[in-house]
Amino acid sequence: MTVVVAPVVVLAALAGTAPAPGFVALAKVDPSIGEDIRYATAENFTGGVVDGYDEPVCLLARPAAEALRRAQREVVRRGYSLLVYDCYRPQRAVDRFVRWARDPEDPRTKAEFHPRVAKDRLIPDGYIAEKSGHSRGSTVDVTLVDLVTRRPLDMGTPFDFFDPLAHTDSPLIGAAARADRQVLKRALGGQGFVNLPEEWWHFTYRPEAFPDTYFDFPVSVGPTHR
């Protein structure tokens, strides 16, 4: 049997700071969607700003951004808003994650992000990979915010929690969190997003605009995109 493997293209950093053609800042498509881009801050499992995150902005391939706008309309009708933690992720950031995973254990981040999983198991167990769908521009990490309290819902685990409890359909979390995960999954699924079963927050819009390309331009918007 002949197996045909699709080509994988990694683009080098593009000139300038604007998104690549076909990408858009989410705030230009729907400014009502909240953004808390964790890798542009020290509030993430590496403990510092991640390579390639020059600005705390969400960039996406335009079809994914427009689908997220439609999902936002759906959740607003239910009394929620979307909040994104990560969108497009440059390959250099993924490379940083791999280097971090191979560094010695850090008790500061272990307690918050992987208390039950040893750091040297994060790559073998699939929590961290050398390639990420985020680098193709159609994947988003997202949660729900209560429109009354303006606070993110308790989804059973934090974002980027490396543990089976983060599996979308985990039976080991509370009933309210299980229900809220399904609200998020249905709202995004109705607009073409497919959930990664191991991460309740991780969704990829399909068909992807760039299914075979892993981009590496920095997370930043030029003046004309602001």
N, C-alpha and C. Protein backbone atom coordinates (compact mmCIF):
# COMPACT_ATOMS: atom_id res chain seq x y z
N MET A 1 0.85 -1.19 0.00
CA MET A 1 0.00 0.00 0.00
C MET A 1 0.88 1.24 0.00
N THR A 2 0.57 2.19 -0.86
CA THR A 2 1.32 3.43 -0.93
C THR A 2 0.68 4.47 -0.01
N VAL A 3 1.48 5.06 0.84
CA VAL A 3 1.00 6.10 1.74
C VAL A 3 1.47 7.45 1.22
N VAL A 4 0.55 8.35 0.99
CA VAL A 4 0.88 9.69 0.52
C VAL A 4 0.86 10.63 1.71
N VAL A 5 1.97 11.28 1.95
CA VAL A 5 2.08 12.20 3.07
C VAL A 5 1.99 13.62 2.55
N ALA A 6 1.09 14.41 3.09
CA ALA A 6 0.94 15.80 2.66
C ALA A 6 2.19 16.58 3.04
N PRO A 7 2.60 17.53 2.20
CA PRO A 7 3.79 18.31 2.52
C PRO A 7 3.56 19.20 3.73
N VAL A 8 4.60 19.34 4.53
CA VAL A 8 4.56 20.23 5.68
C VAL A 8 5.52 21.37 5.42
N VAL A 9 5.03 22.58 5.46
CA VAL A 9 5.84 23.74 5.16
C VAL A 9 5.95 24.59 6.41
N VAL A 10 7.16 24.93 6.80
CA VAL A 10 7.37 25.86 7.91
C VAL A 10 7.89 27.15 7.32
N LEU A 11 7.15 28.23 7.48
CA LEU A 11 7.58 29.51 6.94
C LEU A 11 8.47 30.22 7.93
N ALA A 12 9.54 30.82 7.47
CA ALA A 12 10.40 31.62 8.33
C ALA A 12 9.67 32.90 8.72
N ALA A 13 10.23 33.60 9.68
CA ALA A 13 9.63 34.86 10.12
C ALA A 13 9.48 35.80 8.94
N LEU A 14 8.31 36.40 8.80
CA LEU A 14 8.06 37.30 7.69
C LEU A 14 8.59 38.69 8.01
N ALA A 15 8.87 39.44 6.97
CA ALA A 15 9.35 40.81 7.16
C ALA A 15 8.25 41.65 7.79
N GLY A 16 8.65 42.60 8.64
CA GLY A 16 7.68 43.47 9.27
C GLY A 16 6.98 42.80 10.42
N THR A 17 5.94 43.44 10.94
CA THR A 17 5.23 42.93 12.10
C THR A 17 3.77 42.62 11.83
N ALA A 18 3.31 42.84 10.61
CA ALA A 18 1.91 42.59 10.30
C ALA A 18 1.65 41.10 10.15
N PRO A 19 0.41 40.66 10.38
CA PRO A 19 0.09 39.25 10.14
C PRO A 19 0.32 38.86 8.69
N ALA A 20 0.52 37.57 8.47
CA ALA A 20 0.69 37.07 7.11
C ALA A 20 -0.61 37.28 6.33
N PRO A 21 -0.53 37.33 4.99
CA PRO A 21 -1.76 37.42 4.19
C PRO A 21 -2.72 36.29 4.55
N GLY A 22 -3.99 36.64 4.69
CA GLY A 22 -4.99 35.65 5.07
C GLY A 22 -5.26 35.60 6.55
N PHE A 23 -4.45 36.31 7.36
CA PHE A 23 -4.66 36.39 8.80
C PHE A 23 -5.27 37.74 9.16
N VAL A 24 -5.96 37.77 10.30
CA VAL A 24 -6.59 39.00 10.76
C VAL A 24 -6.54 39.04 12.27
N ALA A 25 -6.49 40.23 12.82
CA ALA A 25 -6.61 40.39 14.27
C ALA A 25 -8.07 40.17 14.65
N LEU A 26 -8.31 39.29 15.62
CA LEU A 26 -9.69 38.99 16.03
C LEU A 26 -10.44 40.25 16.45
N ALA A 27 -9.75 41.18 17.09
CA ALA A 27 -10.41 42.40 17.55
C ALA A 27 -11.00 43.22 16.40
N LYS A 28 -10.46 43.05 15.19
CA LYS A 28 -11.02 43.74 14.03
C LYS A 28 -12.29 43.07 13.53
N VAL A 29 -12.44 41.80 13.83
CA VAL A 29 -13.61 41.03 13.39
C VAL A 29 -14.72 41.09 14.43
N ASP A 30 -14.36 40.93 15.70
CA ASP A 30 -15.34 40.99 16.79
C ASP A 30 -14.66 41.48 18.07
N PRO A 31 -14.70 42.78 18.33
CA PRO A 31 -14.04 43.32 19.53
C PRO A 31 -14.74 42.94 20.83
N SER A 32 -15.92 42.32 20.75
CA SER A 32 -16.62 41.92 21.98
C SER A 32 -16.05 40.64 22.58
N ILE A 33 -15.26 39.89 21.83
CA ILE A 33 -14.65 38.67 22.34
C ILE A 33 -13.44 39.05 23.19
N GLY A 34 -13.41 38.55 24.42
CA GLY A 34 -12.32 38.88 25.32
C GLY A 34 -11.01 38.21 24.91
N GLU A 35 -9.89 38.86 25.24
CA GLU A 35 -8.57 38.31 24.94
C GLU A 35 -7.69 38.37 26.19
N ASP A 36 -7.16 37.23 26.56
CA ASP A 36 -6.22 37.12 27.68
C ASP A 36 -5.09 36.22 27.18
N ILE A 37 -4.22 36.77 26.37
CA ILE A 37 -3.21 35.98 25.66
C ILE A 37 -2.08 35.65 26.64
N ARG A 38 -2.15 34.48 27.22
CA ARG A 38 -1.31 34.12 28.35
C ARG A 38 0.18 34.02 27.99
N TYR A 39 0.49 33.60 26.76
CA TYR A 39 1.90 33.40 26.43
C TYR A 39 2.63 34.72 26.18
N ALA A 40 1.89 35.82 26.11
CA ALA A 40 2.52 37.15 26.03
C ALA A 40 2.79 37.71 27.42
N THR A 41 2.54 36.91 28.45
CA THR A 41 2.76 37.30 29.84
C THR A 41 3.54 36.19 30.53
N ALA A 42 3.82 36.38 31.81
CA ALA A 42 4.47 35.32 32.60
C ALA A 42 3.46 34.35 33.19
N GLU A 43 2.18 34.56 32.94
CA GLU A 43 1.13 33.72 33.51
C GLU A 43 0.89 32.51 32.61
N ASN A 44 1.88 31.63 32.53
CA ASN A 44 1.75 30.41 31.74
C ASN A 44 2.74 29.39 32.28
N PHE A 45 2.69 28.18 31.76
CA PHE A 45 3.45 27.08 32.36
C PHE A 45 4.96 27.23 32.22
N THR A 46 5.43 28.10 31.32
CA THR A 46 6.88 28.32 31.21
C THR A 46 7.37 29.31 32.26
N GLY A 47 6.48 30.10 32.83
CA GLY A 47 6.86 31.09 33.82
C GLY A 47 7.39 32.39 33.26
N GLY A 48 7.31 32.58 31.93
CA GLY A 48 7.79 33.82 31.32
C GLY A 48 7.12 34.06 29.98
N VAL A 49 7.37 35.25 29.42
CA VAL A 49 6.86 35.55 28.09
C VAL A 49 7.48 34.58 27.09
N VAL A 50 6.66 34.04 26.22
CA VAL A 50 7.11 32.99 25.29
C VAL A 50 7.62 33.61 23.99
N ASP A 51 8.66 33.00 23.44
CA ASP A 51 9.26 33.48 22.19
C ASP A 51 8.19 33.69 21.12
N GLY A 52 8.25 34.84 20.45
CA GLY A 52 7.33 35.11 19.33
C GLY A 52 6.09 35.87 19.70
N TYR A 53 5.81 36.03 21.00
CA TYR A 53 4.62 36.78 21.41
C TYR A 53 5.01 38.23 21.68
N ASP A 54 5.11 39.01 20.59
CA ASP A 54 5.53 40.40 20.70
C ASP A 54 4.42 41.29 21.27
N GLU A 55 3.17 40.90 21.04
CA GLU A 55 2.03 41.66 21.55
C GLU A 55 0.96 40.68 22.05
N PRO A 56 0.15 41.09 23.03
CA PRO A 56 -0.91 40.22 23.55
C PRO A 56 -2.18 40.30 22.71
N VAL A 57 -2.10 39.81 21.48
CA VAL A 57 -3.23 39.91 20.55
C VAL A 57 -3.55 38.54 19.98
N CYS A 58 -4.79 38.38 19.57
CA CYS A 58 -5.25 37.15 18.92
C CYS A 58 -5.23 37.35 17.42
N LEU A 59 -4.45 36.55 16.72
CA LEU A 59 -4.44 36.51 15.27
C LEU A 59 -4.98 35.16 14.82
N LEU A 60 -5.80 35.18 13.77
CA LEU A 60 -6.36 33.95 13.22
C LEU A 60 -6.48 34.06 11.71
N ALA A 61 -6.50 32.93 11.04
CA ALA A 61 -6.92 32.92 9.65
C ALA A 61 -8.34 33.48 9.59
N ARG A 62 -8.62 34.28 8.60
CA ARG A 62 -9.90 35.00 8.58
C ARG A 62 -11.12 34.09 8.71
N PRO A 63 -11.21 32.95 8.02
CA PRO A 63 -12.40 32.11 8.18
C PRO A 63 -12.62 31.67 9.63
N ALA A 64 -11.54 31.37 10.35
CA ALA A 64 -11.68 30.98 11.76
C ALA A 64 -12.15 32.14 12.60
N ALA A 65 -11.63 33.34 12.34
CA ALA A 65 -12.06 34.52 13.10
C ALA A 65 -13.54 34.81 12.86
N GLU A 66 -13.99 34.67 11.63
CA GLU A 66 -15.39 34.94 11.33
C GLU A 66 -16.30 33.88 11.95
N ALA A 67 -15.85 32.64 11.99
CA ALA A 67 -16.63 31.58 12.64
C ALA A 67 -16.70 31.82 14.15
N LEU A 68 -15.62 32.33 14.73
CA LEU A 68 -15.63 32.63 16.16
C LEU A 68 -16.61 33.76 16.46
N ARG A 69 -16.72 34.71 15.55
CA ARG A 69 -17.71 35.78 15.71
C ARG A 69 -19.12 35.20 15.73
N ARG A 70 -19.40 34.25 14.88
CA ARG A 70 -20.72 33.62 14.88
C ARG A 70 -20.97 32.86 16.17
N ALA A 71 -19.95 32.17 16.67
CA ALA A 71 -20.10 31.46 17.94
C ALA A 71 -20.34 32.43 19.08
N GLN A 72 -19.69 33.58 19.04
CA GLN A 72 -19.91 34.60 20.07
C GLN A 72 -21.38 35.02 20.11
N ARG A 73 -21.99 35.21 18.98
CA ARG A 73 -23.41 35.58 18.94
C ARG A 73 -24.26 34.52 19.63
N GLU A 74 -23.90 33.26 19.43
CA GLU A 74 -24.65 32.16 20.04
C GLU A 74 -24.52 32.17 21.55
N VAL A 75 -23.30 32.31 22.07
CA VAL A 75 -23.13 32.23 23.52
C VAL A 75 -23.67 33.48 24.22
N VAL A 76 -23.64 34.63 23.54
CA VAL A 76 -24.20 35.85 24.15
C VAL A 76 -25.68 35.67 24.40
N ARG A 77 -26.36 34.99 23.50
CA ARG A 77 -27.80 34.74 23.70
C ARG A 77 -28.06 33.89 24.94
N ARG A 78 -27.05 33.16 25.38
CA ARG A 78 -27.19 32.31 26.57
C ARG A 78 -26.63 32.98 27.83
N GLY A 79 -26.19 34.23 27.70
CA GLY A 79 -25.70 34.96 28.87
C GLY A 79 -24.21 34.84 29.10
N TYR A 80 -23.46 34.45 28.05
CA TYR A 80 -22.02 34.28 28.18
C TYR A 80 -21.29 35.12 27.13
N SER A 81 -19.98 35.16 27.25
CA SER A 81 -19.11 35.70 26.22
C SER A 81 -17.93 34.76 26.07
N LEU A 82 -17.30 34.79 24.91
CA LEU A 82 -16.09 34.02 24.71
C LEU A 82 -14.88 34.81 25.21
N LEU A 83 -13.88 34.09 25.69
CA LEU A 83 -12.60 34.65 26.10
C LEU A 83 -11.51 33.75 25.55
N VAL A 84 -10.61 34.31 24.74
CA VAL A 84 -9.56 33.49 24.14
C VAL A 84 -8.27 33.65 24.93
N TYR A 85 -7.58 32.50 25.11
CA TYR A 85 -6.29 32.47 25.79
C TYR A 85 -5.13 32.38 24.80
N ASP A 86 -5.38 31.80 23.64
CA ASP A 86 -4.34 31.70 22.62
C ASP A 86 -5.01 31.48 21.28
N CYS A 87 -4.36 31.98 20.23
CA CYS A 87 -4.89 31.84 18.87
C CYS A 87 -3.75 31.33 17.99
N TYR A 88 -3.35 32.11 16.97
CA TYR A 88 -2.18 31.73 16.21
C TYR A 88 -0.96 31.70 17.13
N ARG A 89 -0.14 30.67 16.95
CA ARG A 89 1.07 30.47 17.76
C ARG A 89 2.25 30.21 16.84
N PRO A 90 3.27 31.07 16.82
CA PRO A 90 4.40 30.83 15.92
C PRO A 90 5.18 29.58 16.28
N GLN A 91 5.82 28.99 15.28
CA GLN A 91 6.59 27.78 15.50
C GLN A 91 7.68 27.99 16.54
N ARG A 92 8.25 29.18 16.60
CA ARG A 92 9.31 29.43 17.59
C ARG A 92 8.77 29.29 19.02
N ALA A 93 7.49 29.58 19.22
CA ALA A 93 6.88 29.39 20.54
C ALA A 93 6.74 27.91 20.86
N VAL A 94 6.34 27.13 19.87
CA VAL A 94 6.23 25.68 20.05
C VAL A 94 7.61 25.10 20.38
N ASP A 95 8.63 25.58 19.69
CA ASP A 95 9.99 25.13 19.98
C ASP A 95 10.37 25.46 21.42
N ARG A 96 9.94 26.61 21.90
CA ARG A 96 10.23 27.00 23.29
C ARG A 96 9.55 26.05 24.26
N PHE A 97 8.32 25.65 23.96
CA PHE A 97 7.61 24.71 24.83
C PHE A 97 8.39 23.39 24.93
N VAL A 98 8.91 22.92 23.80
CA VAL A 98 9.66 21.66 23.80
C VAL A 98 10.93 21.80 24.63
N ARG A 99 11.64 22.91 24.48
CA ARG A 99 12.85 23.11 25.28
C ARG A 99 12.51 23.16 26.76
N TRP A 100 11.41 23.86 27.09
CA TRP A 100 10.99 23.94 28.50
C TRP A 100 10.69 22.56 29.06
N ALA A 101 10.01 21.74 28.27
CA ALA A 101 9.63 20.40 28.75
C ALA A 101 10.85 19.53 29.01
N ARG A 102 11.95 19.83 28.36
CA ARG A 102 13.17 19.05 28.53
C ARG A 102 14.08 19.62 29.61
N ASP A 103 13.72 20.78 30.15
CA ASP A 103 14.47 21.37 31.26
C ASP A 103 14.16 20.62 32.56
N PRO A 104 14.98 20.80 33.58
CA PRO A 104 14.67 20.18 34.88
C PRO A 104 13.32 20.64 35.44
N GLU A 105 12.76 19.83 36.30
CA GLU A 105 11.48 20.13 36.93
C GLU A 105 11.53 21.48 37.65
N ASP A 106 10.45 22.26 37.51
CA ASP A 106 10.32 23.54 38.20
C ASP A 106 9.11 23.44 39.11
N PRO A 107 9.30 23.39 40.44
CA PRO A 107 8.17 23.19 41.34
C PRO A 107 7.15 24.33 41.30
N ARG A 108 7.59 25.51 40.88
CA ARG A 108 6.64 26.64 40.83
C ARG A 108 5.55 26.41 39.79
N THR A 109 5.93 25.98 38.60
CA THR A 109 4.92 25.77 37.57
C THR A 109 4.27 24.40 37.69
N LYS A 110 4.99 23.42 38.25
CA LYS A 110 4.40 22.08 38.40
C LYS A 110 3.14 22.13 39.26
N ALA A 111 3.19 22.84 40.36
CA ALA A 111 2.05 22.88 41.28
C ALA A 111 0.80 23.42 40.62
N GLU A 112 0.97 24.35 39.69
CA GLU A 112 -0.19 24.99 39.06
C GLU A 112 -0.65 24.29 37.80
N PHE A 113 0.29 23.76 37.02
CA PHE A 113 -0.06 23.29 35.69
C PHE A 113 0.02 21.78 35.49
N HIS A 114 0.83 21.08 36.27
CA HIS A 114 0.88 19.61 36.09
C HIS A 114 1.23 18.93 37.41
N PRO A 115 0.42 19.12 38.44
CA PRO A 115 0.76 18.57 39.76
C PRO A 115 0.83 17.05 39.80
N ARG A 116 0.11 16.37 38.92
CA ARG A 116 0.06 14.91 38.99
C ARG A 116 0.85 14.23 37.87
N VAL A 117 1.43 15.03 36.97
CA VAL A 117 2.16 14.47 35.83
C VAL A 117 3.59 14.99 35.88
N ALA A 118 4.56 14.09 35.89
CA ALA A 118 5.97 14.49 35.92
C ALA A 118 6.33 15.23 34.63
N LYS A 119 7.20 16.21 34.75
CA LYS A 119 7.56 17.02 33.59
C LYS A 119 8.17 16.17 32.48
N ASP A 120 8.94 15.16 32.83
CA ASP A 120 9.57 14.35 31.80
C ASP A 120 8.59 13.43 31.08
N ARG A 121 7.31 13.47 31.49
CA ARG A 121 6.26 12.71 30.81
C ARG A 121 5.42 13.58 29.88
N LEU A 122 5.61 14.90 29.90
CA LEU A 122 4.73 15.79 29.15
C LEU A 122 4.85 15.60 27.64
N ILE A 123 6.07 15.35 27.14
CA ILE A 123 6.23 15.08 25.71
C ILE A 123 5.80 13.65 25.38
N PRO A 124 6.31 12.63 26.08
CA PRO A 124 5.88 11.26 25.74
C PRO A 124 4.37 11.05 25.85
N ASP A 125 3.72 11.71 26.79
CA ASP A 125 2.28 11.51 26.98
C ASP A 125 1.44 12.42 26.09
N GLY A 126 2.07 13.23 25.24
CA GLY A 126 1.33 14.00 24.26
C GLY A 126 0.83 15.36 24.72
N TYR A 127 1.21 15.80 25.90
CA TYR A 127 0.75 17.11 26.35
C TYR A 127 1.46 18.25 25.62
N ILE A 128 2.70 18.01 25.22
CA ILE A 128 3.48 18.99 24.46
C ILE A 128 4.05 18.28 23.24
N ALA A 129 3.90 18.93 22.06
CA ALA A 129 4.34 18.32 20.82
C ALA A 129 5.24 19.28 20.06
N GLU A 130 5.99 18.75 19.09
CA GLU A 130 6.92 19.57 18.31
C GLU A 130 6.22 20.37 17.23
N LYS A 131 4.99 20.06 16.94
CA LYS A 131 4.18 20.82 15.99
C LYS A 131 2.81 21.04 16.63
N SER A 132 2.22 22.21 16.35
CA SER A 132 0.92 22.53 16.91
C SER A 132 0.00 23.06 15.83
N GLY A 133 -1.27 22.65 15.89
CA GLY A 133 -2.26 23.19 14.98
C GLY A 133 -2.41 24.69 15.10
N HIS A 134 -2.07 25.24 16.27
CA HIS A 134 -2.13 26.69 16.44
C HIS A 134 -1.28 27.42 15.41
N SER A 135 -0.17 26.81 15.00
CA SER A 135 0.74 27.45 14.05
C SER A 135 0.16 27.52 12.65
N ARG A 136 -0.95 26.83 12.41
CA ARG A 136 -1.61 26.90 11.11
C ARG A 136 -2.67 27.99 11.06
N GLY A 137 -3.00 28.56 12.21
CA GLY A 137 -3.84 29.76 12.22
C GLY A 137 -5.33 29.55 12.38
N SER A 138 -5.78 28.31 12.52
CA SER A 138 -7.23 28.07 12.65
C SER A 138 -7.62 27.44 13.98
N THR A 139 -6.68 27.41 14.93
CA THR A 139 -6.94 26.81 16.23
C THR A 139 -6.95 27.89 17.30
N VAL A 140 -7.86 27.73 18.25
CA VAL A 140 -8.02 28.72 19.31
C VAL A 140 -8.22 28.02 20.64
N ASP A 141 -7.66 28.59 21.70
CA ASP A 141 -7.91 28.15 23.07
C ASP A 141 -8.87 29.15 23.68
N VAL A 142 -10.01 28.67 24.18
CA VAL A 142 -11.11 29.57 24.50
C VAL A 142 -11.92 29.05 25.67
N THR A 143 -12.53 29.96 26.41
CA THR A 143 -13.43 29.60 27.49
C THR A 143 -14.65 30.50 27.47
N LEU A 144 -15.50 30.35 28.49
CA LEU A 144 -16.72 31.15 28.62
C LEU A 144 -16.61 32.10 29.80
N VAL A 145 -17.18 33.29 29.62
CA VAL A 145 -17.26 34.29 30.67
C VAL A 145 -18.73 34.57 30.96
N ASP A 146 -19.08 34.68 32.23
CA ASP A 146 -20.44 35.04 32.63
C ASP A 146 -20.64 36.53 32.39
N LEU A 147 -21.65 36.90 31.62
CA LEU A 147 -21.86 38.31 31.28
C LEU A 147 -22.28 39.14 32.48
N VAL A 148 -22.83 38.52 33.52
CA VAL A 148 -23.25 39.27 34.71
C VAL A 148 -22.05 39.54 35.62
N THR A 149 -21.30 38.51 35.94
CA THR A 149 -20.17 38.66 36.87
C THR A 149 -18.89 39.12 36.17
N ARG A 150 -18.85 38.95 34.83
CA ARG A 150 -17.66 39.26 34.03
C ARG A 150 -16.48 38.38 34.40
N ARG A 151 -16.74 37.23 34.98
CA ARG A 151 -15.68 36.31 35.36
C ARG A 151 -15.75 35.03 34.51
N PRO A 152 -14.57 34.46 34.19
CA PRO A 152 -14.59 33.17 33.49
C PRO A 152 -15.28 32.10 34.33
N LEU A 153 -15.98 31.20 33.67
CA LEU A 153 -16.64 30.12 34.37
C LEU A 153 -15.61 29.13 34.90
N ASP A 154 -15.99 28.42 35.96
CA ASP A 154 -15.17 27.33 36.47
C ASP A 154 -15.41 26.12 35.58
N MET A 155 -14.41 25.78 34.77
CA MET A 155 -14.56 24.70 33.82
C MET A 155 -13.97 23.38 34.34
N GLY A 156 -13.71 23.33 35.61
CA GLY A 156 -13.22 22.08 36.20
C GLY A 156 -11.73 22.01 36.35
N THR A 157 -11.00 22.63 35.43
CA THR A 157 -9.55 22.78 35.54
C THR A 157 -9.21 24.14 34.94
N PRO A 158 -8.03 24.67 35.26
CA PRO A 158 -7.57 25.87 34.57
C PRO A 158 -7.20 25.57 33.13
N PHE A 159 -7.00 26.60 32.35
CA PHE A 159 -6.42 26.50 31.01
C PHE A 159 -4.99 25.95 31.11
N ASP A 160 -4.62 25.12 30.15
CA ASP A 160 -3.28 24.52 30.08
C ASP A 160 -2.95 23.65 31.29
N PHE A 161 -3.94 22.98 31.81
CA PHE A 161 -3.73 22.05 32.92
C PHE A 161 -3.42 20.69 32.33
N PHE A 162 -2.18 20.24 32.50
CA PHE A 162 -1.74 18.98 31.91
C PHE A 162 -2.15 17.82 32.81
N ASP A 163 -3.30 17.28 32.53
CA ASP A 163 -3.87 16.25 33.41
C ASP A 163 -5.10 15.66 32.72
N PRO A 164 -5.40 14.38 32.93
CA PRO A 164 -6.62 13.81 32.36
C PRO A 164 -7.90 14.53 32.79
N LEU A 165 -7.86 15.26 33.89
CA LEU A 165 -9.04 16.02 34.30
C LEU A 165 -9.42 17.07 33.26
N ALA A 166 -8.47 17.47 32.42
CA ALA A 166 -8.75 18.46 31.38
C ALA A 166 -9.43 17.86 30.16
N HIS A 167 -9.55 16.55 30.10
CA HIS A 167 -10.26 15.93 28.98
C HIS A 167 -11.70 16.46 28.96
N THR A 168 -12.16 16.84 27.80
CA THR A 168 -13.45 17.51 27.69
C THR A 168 -14.58 16.73 28.36
N ASP A 169 -14.59 15.43 28.19
CA ASP A 169 -15.67 14.61 28.72
C ASP A 169 -15.29 13.87 30.00
N SER A 170 -14.31 14.39 30.72
CA SER A 170 -13.90 13.74 31.97
C SER A 170 -15.09 13.62 32.93
N PRO A 171 -15.34 12.43 33.46
CA PRO A 171 -16.43 12.24 34.42
C PRO A 171 -16.02 12.61 35.84
N LEU A 172 -14.77 13.04 36.02
CA LEU A 172 -14.24 13.25 37.36
C LEU A 172 -14.35 14.68 37.85
N ILE A 173 -14.92 15.56 37.03
CA ILE A 173 -15.12 16.95 37.45
C ILE A 173 -16.58 17.15 37.84
N GLY A 174 -16.89 18.30 38.43
CA GLY A 174 -18.25 18.56 38.89
C GLY A 174 -19.26 18.67 37.76
N ALA A 175 -20.52 18.46 38.11
CA ALA A 175 -21.59 18.47 37.11
C ALA A 175 -21.71 19.81 36.41
N ALA A 176 -21.57 20.92 37.15
CA ALA A 176 -21.71 22.23 36.55
C ALA A 176 -20.62 22.47 35.52
N ALA A 177 -19.38 22.11 35.85
CA ALA A 177 -18.28 22.28 34.91
C ALA A 177 -18.46 21.39 33.69
N ARG A 178 -18.95 20.17 33.89
CA ARG A 178 -19.19 19.28 32.74
C ARG A 178 -20.23 19.90 31.81
N ALA A 179 -21.26 20.47 32.39
CA ALA A 179 -22.31 21.09 31.58
C ALA A 179 -21.78 22.30 30.83
N ASP A 180 -20.97 23.12 31.49
CA ASP A 180 -20.43 24.31 30.84
C ASP A 180 -19.47 23.95 29.71
N ARG A 181 -18.71 22.88 29.89
CA ARG A 181 -17.84 22.43 28.80
C ARG A 181 -18.66 22.05 27.58
N GLN A 182 -19.80 21.43 27.82
CA GLN A 182 -20.65 21.05 26.69
C GLN A 182 -21.30 22.25 26.03
N VAL A 183 -21.63 23.28 26.79
CA VAL A 183 -22.15 24.51 26.20
C VAL A 183 -21.12 25.09 25.24
N LEU A 184 -19.87 25.16 25.69
CA LEU A 184 -18.80 25.68 24.85
C LEU A 184 -18.60 24.81 23.62
N LYS A 185 -18.57 23.51 23.82
CA LYS A 185 -18.34 22.59 22.70
C LYS A 185 -19.45 22.68 21.66
N ARG A 186 -20.71 22.76 22.11
CA ARG A 186 -21.82 22.84 21.16
C ARG A 186 -21.82 24.16 20.42
N ALA A 187 -21.54 25.26 21.12
CA ALA A 187 -21.56 26.57 20.48
C ALA A 187 -20.50 26.67 19.39
N LEU A 188 -19.30 26.20 19.69
CA LEU A 188 -18.25 26.27 18.69
C LEU A 188 -18.43 25.20 17.63
N GLY A 189 -18.88 24.01 18.05
CA GLY A 189 -19.12 22.95 17.08
C GLY A 189 -20.15 23.33 16.04
N GLY A 190 -21.13 24.12 16.45
CA GLY A 190 -22.15 24.56 15.52
C GLY A 190 -21.64 25.49 14.45
N GLN A 191 -20.44 26.02 14.64
CA GLN A 191 -19.85 26.93 13.66
C GLN A 191 -18.63 26.33 12.97
N GLY A 192 -18.44 25.03 13.12
CA GLY A 192 -17.39 24.35 12.38
C GLY A 192 -16.11 24.08 13.14
N PHE A 193 -16.10 24.37 14.43
CA PHE A 193 -14.92 24.09 15.25
C PHE A 193 -14.98 22.67 15.81
N VAL A 194 -13.85 21.99 15.77
CA VAL A 194 -13.73 20.63 16.29
C VAL A 194 -12.89 20.67 17.54
N ASN A 195 -13.40 20.10 18.62
CA ASN A 195 -12.70 20.09 19.90
C ASN A 195 -11.65 18.99 19.95
N LEU A 196 -10.52 19.29 20.58
CA LEU A 196 -9.52 18.26 20.90
C LEU A 196 -9.97 17.59 22.19
N PRO A 197 -10.29 16.31 22.18
CA PRO A 197 -10.89 15.67 23.37
C PRO A 197 -10.04 15.76 24.63
N GLU A 198 -8.73 15.90 24.48
CA GLU A 198 -7.85 15.94 25.65
C GLU A 198 -7.77 17.32 26.30
N GLU A 199 -8.33 18.35 25.64
CA GLU A 199 -8.26 19.71 26.16
C GLU A 199 -9.59 20.41 25.94
N TRP A 200 -10.32 20.67 27.00
CA TRP A 200 -11.65 21.25 26.86
C TRP A 200 -11.63 22.62 26.19
N TRP A 201 -10.49 23.32 26.22
CA TRP A 201 -10.38 24.69 25.70
C TRP A 201 -9.94 24.77 24.24
N HIS A 202 -9.54 23.66 23.64
CA HIS A 202 -8.83 23.65 22.35
C HIS A 202 -9.78 23.30 21.20
N PHE A 203 -9.91 24.22 20.23
CA PHE A 203 -10.82 24.02 19.11
C PHE A 203 -10.14 24.43 17.80
N THR A 204 -10.39 23.65 16.75
CA THR A 204 -9.84 23.95 15.42
C THR A 204 -10.98 24.11 14.43
N TYR A 205 -10.96 25.23 13.71
CA TYR A 205 -11.97 25.46 12.67
C TYR A 205 -11.61 24.67 11.42
N ARG A 206 -12.60 23.98 10.87
CA ARG A 206 -12.40 23.20 9.66
C ARG A 206 -13.47 23.52 8.63
N PRO A 207 -13.07 23.55 7.34
CA PRO A 207 -11.74 23.25 6.81
C PRO A 207 -10.74 24.36 7.12
N GLU A 208 -9.51 23.98 7.44
CA GLU A 208 -8.49 24.96 7.76
C GLU A 208 -8.05 25.72 6.51
N ALA A 209 -7.78 26.99 6.68
CA ALA A 209 -7.31 27.80 5.55
C ALA A 209 -5.91 27.39 5.11
N PHE A 210 -5.08 26.94 6.07
CA PHE A 210 -3.69 26.58 5.77
C PHE A 210 -3.39 25.22 6.42
N PRO A 211 -3.95 24.15 5.89
CA PRO A 211 -3.86 22.85 6.58
C PRO A 211 -2.47 22.24 6.61
N ASP A 212 -1.57 22.68 5.73
CA ASP A 212 -0.25 22.05 5.64
C ASP A 212 0.89 23.00 5.97
N THR A 213 0.58 24.17 6.51
CA THR A 213 1.60 25.18 6.73
C THR A 213 1.70 25.55 8.21
N TYR A 214 2.91 25.52 8.72
CA TYR A 214 3.18 25.92 10.10
C TYR A 214 3.95 27.25 10.05
N PHE A 215 3.26 28.33 10.37
CA PHE A 215 3.83 29.66 10.25
C PHE A 215 4.74 29.99 11.44
N ASP A 216 5.61 30.99 11.22
CA ASP A 216 6.52 31.40 12.28
C ASP A 216 6.68 32.92 12.36
N PHE A 217 5.75 33.68 11.83
CA PHE A 217 5.83 35.13 12.01
C PHE A 217 5.41 35.47 13.43
N PRO A 218 5.91 36.57 14.00
CA PRO A 218 5.59 36.88 15.41
C PRO A 218 4.13 37.29 15.60
N VAL A 219 3.65 37.12 16.82
CA VAL A 219 2.31 37.56 17.18
C VAL A 219 2.37 39.07 17.41
N SER A 220 1.92 39.80 16.42
CA SER A 220 1.97 41.26 16.46
C SER A 220 1.09 41.77 15.34
N VAL A 221 0.59 42.98 15.47
CA VAL A 221 -0.18 43.61 14.41
C VAL A 221 0.50 44.91 14.00
N GLY A 222 0.56 45.15 12.70
CA GLY A 222 1.12 46.40 12.22
C GLY A 222 0.13 47.53 12.39
N PRO A 223 0.56 48.75 12.17
CA PRO A 223 -0.31 49.92 12.35
C PRO A 223 -1.59 49.86 11.52
N THR A 224 -1.52 49.27 10.33
CA THR A 224 -2.71 49.24 9.48
C THR A 224 -3.73 48.23 9.94
N HIS A 225 -3.35 47.34 10.89
CA HIS A 225 -4.28 46.31 11.37
C HIS A 225 -4.86 46.67 12.72
N ARG A 226 -4.47 47.79 13.30
CA ARG A 226 -4.96 48.15 14.63
C ARG A 226 -6.37 48.69 14.56
